[in-house]
Amino acid sequence: MAWVILIVAALFEIAWAVGLKFTEGFSRLWPTVGTIAALIVSVSLLGIAARSLPIGTAYAVWTGIGAVGTVLCGIAFFGDPATPARLVCLGLIVIGILGLKIL
């Protein structure tokens, strides 16, 4: 169950990271409120998952999923470049996440 909670926490991390784009420097109220709410949920769920997972593993997986998801959202929704080198680097992050989960 801790792994499911950790994955949900990482999805909320993606939400708050992408939400930063919509806050326009925290100058827009409702995007800011949503971003802060997603951040609180994300960190809270990470804390719950870390009760039964090693903190190093939990944090690395949380940030890894968050980073990969945020980059993919940037590519899909904001026109960020999807160069072969960037995609290879994302693949390496995914391999690292899987390695931590398996080992």
PDB file of N, CA and C in Angstrom:
ATOM      1  N   MET A   1       0.821  -1.200   0.000  1.00  0.00           N
ATOM      2  CA  MET A   1       0.000   0.000   0.000  1.00  0.00           C
ATOM      3  C   MET A   1       0.866   1.266   0.000  1.00  0.00           C
ATOM      4  N   ALA A   2       2.030   1.201   0.653  1.00  0.00           N
ATOM      5  CA  ALA A   2       2.906   2.368   0.714  1.00  0.00           C
ATOM      6  C   ALA A   2       3.348   2.804  -0.681  1.00  0.00           C
ATOM      7  N   TRP A   3       3.559   1.843  -1.571  1.00  0.00           N
ATOM      8  CA  TRP A   3       3.968   2.189  -2.938  1.00  0.00           C
ATOM      9  C   TRP A   3       2.844   2.914  -3.679  1.00  0.00           C
ATOM     10  N   VAL A   4       1.612   2.507  -3.464  1.00  0.00           N
ATOM     11  CA  VAL A   4       0.473   3.184  -4.097  1.00  0.00           C
ATOM     12  C   VAL A   4       0.376   4.618  -3.581  1.00  0.00           C
ATOM     13  N   ILE A   5       0.525   4.778  -2.280  1.00  0.00           N
ATOM     14  CA  ILE A   5       0.482   6.120  -1.690  1.00  0.00           C
ATOM     15  C   ILE A   5       1.610   6.976  -2.250  1.00  0.00           C
ATOM     16  N   LEU A   6       2.775   6.379  -2.407  1.00  0.00           N
ATOM     17  CA  LEU A   6       3.922   7.107  -2.942  1.00  0.00           C
ATOM     18  C   LEU A   6       3.673   7.545  -4.385  1.00  0.00           C
ATOM     19  N   ILE A   7       3.085   6.698  -5.180  1.00  0.00           N
ATOM     20  CA  ILE A   7       2.787   7.050  -6.571  1.00  0.00           C
ATOM     21  C   ILE A   7       1.755   8.181  -6.621  1.00  0.00           C
ATOM     22  N   VAL A   8       0.737   8.101  -5.782  1.00  0.00           N
ATOM     23  CA  VAL A   8      -0.258   9.179  -5.733  1.00  0.00           C
ATOM     24  C   VAL A   8       0.413  10.482  -5.289  1.00  0.00           C
ATOM     25  N   ALA A   9       1.314  10.391  -4.318  1.00  0.00           N
ATOM     26  CA  ALA A   9       2.055  11.573  -3.873  1.00  0.00           C
ATOM     27  C   ALA A   9       2.844  12.176  -5.032  1.00  0.00           C
ATOM     28  N   ALA A  10       3.455  11.325  -5.842  1.00  0.00           N
ATOM     29  CA  ALA A  10       4.230  11.801  -6.986  1.00  0.00           C
ATOM     30  C   ALA A  10       3.332  12.449  -8.036  1.00  0.00           C
ATOM     31  N   LEU A  11       2.129  11.934  -8.206  1.00  0.00           N
ATOM     32  CA  LEU A  11       1.189  12.553  -9.151  1.00  0.00           C
ATOM     33  C   LEU A  11       0.799  13.954  -8.675  1.00  0.00           C
ATOM     34  N   PHE A  12       0.630  14.104  -7.370  1.00  0.00           N
ATOM     35  CA  PHE A  12       0.348  15.437  -6.834  1.00  0.00           C
ATOM     36  C   PHE A  12       1.573  16.343  -6.962  1.00  0.00           C
ATOM     37  N   GLU A  13       2.768  15.755  -6.912  1.00  0.00           N
ATOM     38  CA  GLU A  13       3.974  16.562  -7.128  1.00  0.00           C
ATOM     39  C   GLU A  13       3.987  17.118  -8.550  1.00  0.00           C
ATOM     40  N   ILE A  14       3.620  16.279  -9.506  1.00  0.00           N
ATOM     41  CA  ILE A  14       3.520  16.753 -10.892  1.00  0.00           C
ATOM     42  C   ILE A  14       2.499  17.885 -10.973  1.00  0.00           C
ATOM     43  N   ALA A  15       1.370  17.702 -10.293  1.00  0.00           N
ATOM     44  CA  ALA A  15       0.308  18.724 -10.333  1.00  0.00           C
ATOM     45  C   ALA A  15       0.798  20.057  -9.792  1.00  0.00           C
ATOM     46  N   TRP A  16       1.507  20.045  -8.662  1.00  0.00           N
ATOM     47  CA  TRP A  16       1.939  21.339  -8.125  1.00  0.00           C
ATOM     48  C   TRP A  16       3.074  21.937  -8.940  1.00  0.00           C
ATOM     49  N   ALA A  17       3.939  21.094  -9.492  1.00  0.00           N
ATOM     50  CA  ALA A  17       5.024  21.624 -10.319  1.00  0.00           C
ATOM     51  C   ALA A  17       4.467  22.282 -11.587  1.00  0.00           C
ATOM     52  N   VAL A  18       3.519  21.613 -12.227  1.00  0.00           N
ATOM     53  CA  VAL A  18       2.887  22.192 -13.417  1.00  0.00           C
ATOM     54  C   VAL A  18       2.045  23.402 -13.016  1.00  0.00           C
ATOM     55  N   GLY A  19       1.418  23.322 -11.865  1.00  0.00           N
ATOM     56  CA  GLY A  19       0.608  24.437 -11.379  1.00  0.00           C
ATOM     57  C   GLY A  19       1.399  25.721 -11.206  1.00  0.00           C
ATOM     58  N   LEU A  20       2.684  25.595 -10.917  1.00  0.00           N
ATOM     59  CA  LEU A  20       3.513  26.799 -10.778  1.00  0.00           C
ATOM     60  C   LEU A  20       3.461  27.661 -12.040  1.00  0.00           C
ATOM     61  N   LYS A  21       3.376  26.996 -13.184  1.00  0.00           N
ATOM     62  CA  LYS A  21       3.313  27.723 -14.454  1.00  0.00           C
ATOM     63  C   LYS A  21       2.078  28.624 -14.498  1.00  0.00           C
ATOM     64  N   PHE A  22       0.993  28.149 -13.943  1.00  0.00           N
ATOM     65  CA  PHE A  22      -0.277  28.878 -14.005  1.00  0.00           C
ATOM     66  C   PHE A  22      -0.419  29.952 -12.926  1.00  0.00           C
ATOM     67  N   THR A  23       0.432  29.912 -11.904  1.00  0.00           N
ATOM     68  CA  THR A  23       0.335  30.931 -10.854  1.00  0.00           C
ATOM     69  C   THR A  23       0.896  32.275 -11.292  1.00  0.00           C
ATOM     70  N   GLU A  24       1.697  32.264 -12.349  1.00  0.00           N
ATOM     71  CA  GLU A  24       2.353  33.479 -12.842  1.00  0.00           C
ATOM     72  C   GLU A  24       3.052  34.215 -11.702  1.00  0.00           C
ATOM     73  N   GLY A  25       3.982  33.465 -11.066  1.00  0.00           N
ATOM     74  CA  GLY A  25       4.735  34.060  -9.960  1.00  0.00           C
ATOM     75  C   GLY A  25       3.894  34.262  -8.715  1.00  0.00           C
ATOM     76  N   PHE A  26       2.918  33.413  -8.509  1.00  0.00           N
ATOM     77  CA  PHE A  26       1.995  33.483  -7.370  1.00  0.00           C
ATOM     78  C   PHE A  26       1.168  34.761  -7.372  1.00  0.00           C
ATOM     79  N   SER A  27       0.930  35.287  -8.575  1.00  0.00           N
ATOM     80  CA  SER A  27       0.130  36.505  -8.680  1.00  0.00           C
ATOM     81  C   SER A  27      -1.336  36.213  -8.996  1.00  0.00           C
ATOM     82  N   ARG A  28      -1.667  34.959  -9.295  1.00  0.00           N
ATOM     83  CA  ARG A  28      -3.058  34.587  -9.584  1.00  0.00           C
ATOM     84  C   ARG A  28      -3.567  33.733  -8.426  1.00  0.00           C
ATOM     85  N   LEU A  29      -4.663  34.162  -7.812  1.00  0.00           N
ATOM     86  CA  LEU A  29      -5.139  33.552  -6.569  1.00  0.00           C
ATOM     87  C   LEU A  29      -5.465  32.071  -6.705  1.00  0.00           C
ATOM     88  N   TRP A  30      -6.389  31.709  -7.586  1.00  0.00           N
ATOM     89  CA  TRP A  30      -6.871  30.330  -7.596  1.00  0.00           C
ATOM     90  C   TRP A  30      -5.832  29.324  -8.091  1.00  0.00           C
ATOM     91  N   PRO A  31      -5.046  29.643  -9.100  1.00  0.00           N
ATOM     92  CA  PRO A  31      -3.958  28.718  -9.427  1.00  0.00           C
ATOM     93  C   PRO A  31      -2.956  28.565  -8.272  1.00  0.00           C
ATOM     94  N   THR A  32      -2.729  29.645  -7.547  1.00  0.00           N
ATOM     95  CA  THR A  32      -1.827  29.574  -6.396  1.00  0.00           C
ATOM     96  C   THR A  32      -2.407  28.688  -5.308  1.00  0.00           C
ATOM     97  N   VAL A  33      -3.694  28.840  -5.030  1.00  0.00           N
ATOM     98  CA  VAL A  33      -4.351  28.020  -4.012  1.00  0.00           C
ATOM     99  C   VAL A  33      -4.291  26.542  -4.411  1.00  0.00           C
ATOM    100  N   GLY A  34      -4.589  26.245  -5.654  1.00  0.00           N
ATOM    101  CA  GLY A  34      -4.537  24.862  -6.130  1.00  0.00           C
ATOM    102  C   GLY A  34      -3.133  24.289  -6.071  1.00  0.00           C
ATOM    103  N   THR A  35      -2.158  25.081  -6.434  1.00  0.00           N
ATOM    104  CA  THR A  35      -0.769  24.634  -6.404  1.00  0.00           C
ATOM    105  C   THR A  35      -0.322  24.344  -4.976  1.00  0.00           C
ATOM    106  N   ILE A  36      -0.646  25.224  -4.060  1.00  0.00           N
ATOM    107  CA  ILE A  36      -0.269  25.018  -2.654  1.00  0.00           C
ATOM    108  C   ILE A  36      -0.997  23.805  -2.074  1.00  0.00           C
ATOM    109  N   ALA A  37      -2.258  23.630  -2.441  1.00  0.00           N
ATOM    110  CA  ALA A  37      -3.010  22.460  -1.958  1.00  0.00           C
ATOM    111  C   ALA A  37      -2.379  21.163  -2.474  1.00  0.00           C
ATOM    112  N   ALA A  38      -2.017  21.131  -3.751  1.00  0.00           N
ATOM    113  CA  ALA A  38      -1.381  19.943  -4.316  1.00  0.00           C
ATOM    114  C   ALA A  38      -0.041  19.676  -3.646  1.00  0.00           C
ATOM    115  N   LEU A  39       0.696  20.727  -3.340  1.00  0.00           N
ATOM    116  CA  LEU A  39       1.981  20.577  -2.663  1.00  0.00           C
ATOM    117  C   LEU A  39       1.795  19.966  -1.274  1.00  0.00           C
ATOM    118  N   ILE A  40       0.817  20.460  -0.538  1.00  0.00           N
ATOM    119  CA  ILE A  40       0.559  19.937   0.809  1.00  0.00           C
ATOM    120  C   ILE A  40       0.156  18.474   0.752  1.00  0.00           C
ATOM    121  N   VAL A  41      -0.732  18.128  -0.176  1.00  0.00           N
ATOM    122  CA  VAL A  41      -1.154  16.725  -0.310  1.00  0.00           C
ATOM    123  C   VAL A  41       0.040  15.860  -0.687  1.00  0.00           C
ATOM    124  N   SER A  42       0.851  16.329  -1.624  1.00  0.00           N
ATOM    125  CA  SER A  42       2.001  15.560  -2.095  1.00  0.00           C
ATOM    126  C   SER A  42       2.978  15.253  -0.963  1.00  0.00           C
ATOM    127  N   VAL A  43       3.368  16.279  -0.228  1.00  0.00           N
ATOM    128  CA  VAL A  43       4.339  16.084   0.848  1.00  0.00           C
ATOM    129  C   VAL A  43       3.739  15.260   1.984  1.00  0.00           C
ATOM    130  N   SER A  44       2.461  15.449   2.268  1.00  0.00           N
ATOM    131  CA  SER A  44       1.799  14.665   3.314  1.00  0.00           C
ATOM    132  C   SER A  44       1.776  13.185   2.957  1.00  0.00           C
ATOM    133  N   LEU A  45       1.427  12.884   1.710  1.00  0.00           N
ATOM    134  CA  LEU A  45       1.405  11.479   1.287  1.00  0.00           C
ATOM    135  C   LEU A  45       2.805  10.883   1.263  1.00  0.00           C
ATOM    136  N   LEU A  46       3.799  11.678   0.884  1.00  0.00           N
ATOM    137  CA  LEU A  46       5.183  11.201   0.947  1.00  0.00           C
ATOM    138  C   LEU A  46       5.535  10.829   2.384  1.00  0.00           C
ATOM    139  N   GLY A  47       5.149  11.647   3.323  1.00  0.00           N
ATOM    140  CA  GLY A  47       5.411  11.349   4.729  1.00  0.00           C
ATOM    141  C   GLY A  47       4.745  10.067   5.191  1.00  0.00           C
ATOM    142  N   ILE A  48       3.528   9.844   4.727  1.00  0.00           N
ATOM    143  CA  ILE A  48       2.817   8.606   5.085  1.00  0.00           C
ATOM    144  C   ILE A  48       3.523   7.400   4.470  1.00  0.00           C
ATOM    145  N   ALA A  49       3.899   7.503   3.206  1.00  0.00           N
ATOM    146  CA  ALA A  49       4.588   6.386   2.549  1.00  0.00           C
ATOM    147  C   ALA A  49       5.931   6.104   3.197  1.00  0.00           C
ATOM    148  N   ALA A  50       6.600   7.157   3.667  1.00  0.00           N
ATOM    149  CA  ALA A  50       7.922   6.995   4.270  1.00  0.00           C
ATOM    150  C   ALA A  50       7.872   6.294   5.625  1.00  0.00           C
ATOM    151  N   ARG A  51       6.693   6.131   6.184  1.00  0.00           N
ATOM    152  CA  ARG A  51       6.580   5.377   7.435  1.00  0.00           C
ATOM    153  C   ARG A  51       7.028   3.936   7.253  1.00  0.00           C
ATOM    154  N   SER A  52       6.763   3.361   6.067  1.00  0.00           N
ATOM    155  CA  SER A  52       7.097   1.956   5.862  1.00  0.00           C
ATOM    156  C   SER A  52       8.095   1.713   4.731  1.00  0.00           C
ATOM    157  N   LEU A  53       8.516   2.758   4.045  1.00  0.00           N
ATOM    158  CA  LEU A  53       9.539   2.632   3.007  1.00  0.00           C
ATOM    159  C   LEU A  53      10.799   3.357   3.475  1.00  0.00           C
ATOM    160  N   PRO A  54      11.961   2.904   3.027  1.00  0.00           N
ATOM    161  CA  PRO A  54      13.176   3.654   3.356  1.00  0.00           C
ATOM    162  C   PRO A  54      13.066   5.075   2.802  1.00  0.00           C
ATOM    163  N   ILE A  55      13.447   6.064   3.586  1.00  0.00           N
ATOM    164  CA  ILE A  55      13.251   7.454   3.191  1.00  0.00           C
ATOM    165  C   ILE A  55      14.030   7.787   1.921  1.00  0.00           C
ATOM    166  N   GLY A  56      15.224   7.265   1.782  1.00  0.00           N
ATOM    167  CA  GLY A  56      16.008   7.534   0.569  1.00  0.00           C
ATOM    168  C   GLY A  56      15.315   7.026  -0.677  1.00  0.00           C
ATOM    169  N   THR A  57      14.796   5.823  -0.592  1.00  0.00           N
ATOM    170  CA  THR A  57      14.071   5.234  -1.719  1.00  0.00           C
ATOM    171  C   THR A  57      12.791   6.003  -1.995  1.00  0.00           C
ATOM    172  N   ALA A  58      12.025   6.287  -0.950  1.00  0.00           N
ATOM    173  CA  ALA A  58      10.756   6.991  -1.128  1.00  0.00           C
ATOM    174  C   ALA A  58      10.983   8.360  -1.757  1.00  0.00           C
ATOM    175  N   TYR A  59      11.958   9.087  -1.254  1.00  0.00           N
ATOM    176  CA  TYR A  59      12.203  10.433  -1.765  1.00  0.00           C
ATOM    177  C   TYR A  59      12.707  10.394  -3.205  1.00  0.00           C
ATOM    178  N   ALA A  60      13.612   9.467  -3.502  1.00  0.00           N
ATOM    179  CA  ALA A  60      14.143   9.372  -4.860  1.00  0.00           C
ATOM    180  C   ALA A  60      13.053   8.993  -5.863  1.00  0.00           C
ATOM    181  N   VAL A  61      12.198   8.065  -5.501  1.00  0.00           N
ATOM    182  CA  VAL A  61      11.111   7.657  -6.397  1.00  0.00           C
ATOM    183  C   VAL A  61      10.120   8.804  -6.556  1.00  0.00           C
ATOM    184  N   TRP A  62       9.781   9.467  -5.465  1.00  0.00           N
ATOM    185  CA  TRP A  62       8.855  10.606  -5.501  1.00  0.00           C
ATOM    186  C   TRP A  62       9.376  11.702  -6.413  1.00  0.00           C
ATOM    187  N   THR A  63      10.623  12.100  -6.227  1.00  0.00           N
ATOM    188  CA  THR A  63      11.171  13.165  -7.063  1.00  0.00           C
ATOM    189  C   THR A  63      11.379  12.699  -8.498  1.00  0.00           C
ATOM    190  N   GLY A  64      11.746  11.439  -8.677  1.00  0.00           N
ATOM    191  CA  GLY A  64      11.954  10.921 -10.029  1.00  0.00           C
ATOM    192  C   GLY A  64      10.667  10.912 -10.836  1.00  0.00           C
ATOM    193  N   ILE A  65       9.609  10.370 -10.248  1.00  0.00           N
ATOM    194  CA  ILE A  65       8.320  10.362 -10.940  1.00  0.00           C
ATOM    195  C   ILE A  65       7.851  11.793 -11.182  1.00  0.00           C
ATOM    196  N   GLY A  66       8.033  12.637 -10.189  1.00  0.00           N
ATOM    197  CA  GLY A  66       7.643  14.036 -10.344  1.00  0.00           C
ATOM    198  C   GLY A  66       8.405  14.731 -11.455  1.00  0.00           C
ATOM    199  N   ALA A  67       9.709  14.473 -11.523  1.00  0.00           N
ATOM    200  CA  ALA A  67      10.529  15.108 -12.559  1.00  0.00           C
ATOM    201  C   ALA A  67      10.144  14.611 -13.947  1.00  0.00           C
ATOM    202  N   VAL A  68      10.025  13.304 -14.102  1.00  0.00           N
ATOM    203  CA  VAL A  68       9.658  12.743 -15.405  1.00  0.00           C
ATOM    204  C   VAL A  68       8.269  13.224 -15.824  1.00  0.00           C
ATOM    205  N   GLY A  69       7.329  13.172 -14.906  1.00  0.00           N
ATOM    206  CA  GLY A  69       5.970  13.614 -15.229  1.00  0.00           C
ATOM    207  C   GLY A  69       5.894  15.081 -15.578  1.00  0.00           C
ATOM    208  N   THR A  70       6.652  15.900 -14.865  1.00  0.00           N
ATOM    209  CA  THR A  70       6.641  17.336 -15.137  1.00  0.00           C
ATOM    210  C   THR A  70       7.266  17.638 -16.496  1.00  0.00           C
ATOM    211  N   VAL A  71       8.354  16.964 -16.815  1.00  0.00           N
ATOM    212  CA  VAL A  71       8.974  17.155 -18.134  1.00  0.00           C
ATOM    213  C   VAL A  71       8.014  16.716 -19.237  1.00  0.00           C
ATOM    214  N   LEU A  72       7.352  15.574 -19.054  1.00  0.00           N
ATOM    215  CA  LEU A  72       6.411  15.105 -20.069  1.00  0.00           C
ATOM    216  C   LEU A  72       5.229  16.063 -20.227  1.00  0.00           C
ATOM    217  N   CYS A  73       4.756  16.627 -19.129  1.00  0.00           N
ATOM    218  CA  CYS A  73       3.688  17.630 -19.223  1.00  0.00           C
ATOM    219  C   CYS A  73       4.183  18.872 -19.949  1.00  0.00           C
ATOM    220  N   GLY A  74       5.404  19.260 -19.679  1.00  0.00           N
ATOM    221  CA  GLY A  74       5.979  20.405 -20.374  1.00  0.00           C
ATOM    222  C   GLY A  74       6.055  20.180 -21.872  1.00  0.00           C
ATOM    223  N   ILE A  75       6.422  18.962 -22.256  1.00  0.00           N
ATOM    224  CA  ILE A  75       6.486  18.611 -23.679  1.00  0.00           C
ATOM    225  C   ILE A  75       5.084  18.598 -24.281  1.00  0.00           C
ATOM    226  N   ALA A  76       4.149  17.966 -23.576  1.00  0.00           N
ATOM    227  CA  ALA A  76       2.800  17.776 -24.117  1.00  0.00           C
ATOM    228  C   ALA A  76       1.970  19.061 -24.146  1.00  0.00           C
ATOM    229  N   PHE A  77       2.122  19.912 -23.131  1.00  0.00           N
ATOM    230  CA  PHE A  77       1.208  21.039 -22.999  1.00  0.00           C
ATOM    231  C   PHE A  77       1.830  22.420 -23.198  1.00  0.00           C
ATOM    232  N   PHE A  78       3.158  22.517 -23.067  1.00  0.00           N
ATOM    233  CA  PHE A  78       3.785  23.828 -23.111  1.00  0.00           C
ATOM    234  C   PHE A  78       4.823  23.976 -24.216  1.00  0.00           C
ATOM    235  N   GLY A  79       4.930  22.971 -25.059  1.00  0.00           N
ATOM    236  CA  GLY A  79       5.853  23.065 -26.188  1.00  0.00           C
ATOM    237  C   GLY A  79       7.319  22.962 -25.822  1.00  0.00           C
ATOM    238  N   ASP A  80       7.626  22.395 -24.663  1.00  0.00           N
ATOM    239  CA  ASP A  80       9.026  22.182 -24.316  1.00  0.00           C
ATOM    240  C   ASP A  80       9.656  21.226 -25.323  1.00  0.00           C
ATOM    241  N   PRO A  81      10.945  21.367 -25.583  1.00  0.00           N
ATOM    242  CA  PRO A  81      11.579  20.505 -26.591  1.00  0.00           C
ATOM    243  C   PRO A  81      11.637  19.051 -26.143  1.00  0.00           C
ATOM    244  N   ALA A  82      11.438  18.160 -27.108  1.00  0.00           N
ATOM    245  CA  ALA A  82      11.518  16.714 -26.863  1.00  0.00           C
ATOM    246  C   ALA A  82      12.678  16.154 -27.674  1.00  0.00           C
ATOM    247  N   THR A  83      13.870  16.630 -27.379  1.00  0.00           N
ATOM    248  CA  THR A  83      15.043  16.189 -28.123  1.00  0.00           C
ATOM    249  C   THR A  83      15.402  14.762 -27.720  1.00  0.00           C
ATOM    250  N   PRO A  84      16.077  14.053 -28.590  1.00  0.00           N
ATOM    251  CA  PRO A  84      16.499  12.690 -28.246  1.00  0.00           C
ATOM    252  C   PRO A  84      17.320  12.643 -26.948  1.00  0.00           C
ATOM    253  N   ALA A  85      18.196  13.602 -26.741  1.00  0.00           N
ATOM    254  CA  ALA A  85      19.014  13.604 -25.524  1.00  0.00           C
ATOM    255  C   ALA A  85      18.147  13.747 -24.273  1.00  0.00           C
ATOM    256  N   ARG A  86      17.150  14.626 -24.323  1.00  0.00           N
ATOM    257  CA  ARG A  86      16.251  14.793 -23.170  1.00  0.00           C
ATOM    258  C   ARG A  86      15.478  13.511 -22.895  1.00  0.00           C
ATOM    259  N   LEU A  87      15.002  12.876 -23.957  1.00  0.00           N
ATOM    260  CA  LEU A  87      14.239  11.641 -23.785  1.00  0.00           C
ATOM    261  C   LEU A  87      15.110  10.514 -23.239  1.00  0.00           C
ATOM    262  N   VAL A  88      16.363  10.449 -23.669  1.00  0.00           N
ATOM    263  CA  VAL A  88      17.288   9.453 -23.123  1.00  0.00           C
ATOM    264  C   VAL A  88      17.500   9.704 -21.629  1.00  0.00           C
ATOM    265  N   CYS A  89      17.678  10.951 -21.262  1.00  0.00           N
ATOM    266  CA  CYS A  89      17.866  11.290 -19.852  1.00  0.00           C
ATOM    267  C   CYS A  89      16.630  10.923 -19.022  1.00  0.00           C
ATOM    268  N   LEU A  90      15.452  11.167 -19.566  1.00  0.00           N
ATOM    269  CA  LEU A  90      14.225  10.750 -18.870  1.00  0.00           C
ATOM    270  C   LEU A  90      14.186   9.243 -18.706  1.00  0.00           C
ATOM    271  N   GLY A  91      14.600   8.532 -19.745  1.00  0.00           N
ATOM    272  CA  GLY A  91      14.663   7.072 -19.667  1.00  0.00           C
ATOM    273  C   GLY A  91      15.601   6.605 -18.566  1.00  0.00           C
ATOM    274  N   LEU A  92      16.714   7.285 -18.403  1.00  0.00           N
ATOM    275  CA  LEU A  92      17.652   6.929 -17.335  1.00  0.00           C
ATOM    276  C   LEU A  92      17.032   7.148 -15.960  1.00  0.00           C
ATOM    277  N   ILE A  93      16.264   8.224 -15.818  1.00  0.00           N
ATOM    278  CA  ILE A  93      15.571   8.447 -14.546  1.00  0.00           C
ATOM    279  C   ILE A  93      14.580   7.320 -14.279  1.00  0.00           C
ATOM    280  N   VAL A  94      13.825   6.935 -15.295  1.00  0.00           N
ATOM    281  CA  VAL A  94      12.847   5.846 -15.141  1.00  0.00           C
ATOM    282  C   VAL A  94      13.564   4.544 -14.764  1.00  0.00           C
ATOM    283  N   ILE A  95      14.690   4.266 -15.396  1.00  0.00           N
ATOM    284  CA  ILE A  95      15.460   3.060 -15.047  1.00  0.00           C
ATOM    285  C   ILE A  95      15.896   3.112 -13.587  1.00  0.00           C
ATOM    286  N   GLY A  96      16.331   4.289 -13.130  1.00  0.00           N
ATOM    287  CA  GLY A  96      16.720   4.443 -11.733  1.00  0.00           C
ATOM    288  C   GLY A  96      15.555   4.212 -10.782  1.00  0.00           C
ATOM    289  N   ILE A  97      14.384   4.740 -11.130  1.00  0.00           N
ATOM    290  CA  ILE A  97      13.197   4.540 -10.303  1.00  0.00           C
ATOM    291  C   ILE A  97      12.859   3.048 -10.214  1.00  0.00           C
ATOM    292  N   LEU A  98      12.852   2.389 -11.371  1.00  0.00           N
ATOM    293  CA  LEU A  98      12.548   0.957 -11.389  1.00  0.00           C
ATOM    294  C   LEU A  98      13.581   0.162 -10.600  1.00  0.00           C
ATOM    295  N   GLY A  99      14.845   0.567 -10.719  1.00  0.00           N
ATOM    296  CA  GLY A  99      15.888  -0.114  -9.960  1.00  0.00           C
ATOM    297  C   GLY A  99      15.670   0.008  -8.464  1.00  0.00           C
ATOM    298  N   LEU A 100      15.308   1.181  -8.002  1.00  0.00           N
ATOM    299  CA  LEU A 100      15.044   1.355  -6.573  1.00  0.00           C
ATOM    300  C   LEU A 100      13.834   0.546  -6.128  1.00  0.00           C
ATOM    301  N   LYS A 101      12.838   0.458  -6.971  1.00  0.00           N
ATOM    302  CA  LYS A 101      11.633  -0.315  -6.615  1.00  0.00           C
ATOM    303  C   LYS A 101      11.960  -1.808  -6.557  1.00  0.00           C
ATOM    304  N   ILE A 102      12.707  -2.273  -7.542  1.00  0.00           N
ATOM    305  CA  ILE A 102      13.015  -3.716  -7.628  1.00  0.00           C
ATOM    306  C   ILE A 102      13.999  -4.142  -6.538  1.00  0.00           C
ATOM    307  N   LEU A 103      14.989  -3.310  -6.294  1.00  0.00           N
ATOM    308  CA  LEU A 103      16.028  -3.687  -5.333  1.00  0.00           C
ATOM    309  C   LEU A 103      15.640  -3.297  -3.920  1.00  0.00           C
TER     310      LEU A 103
END
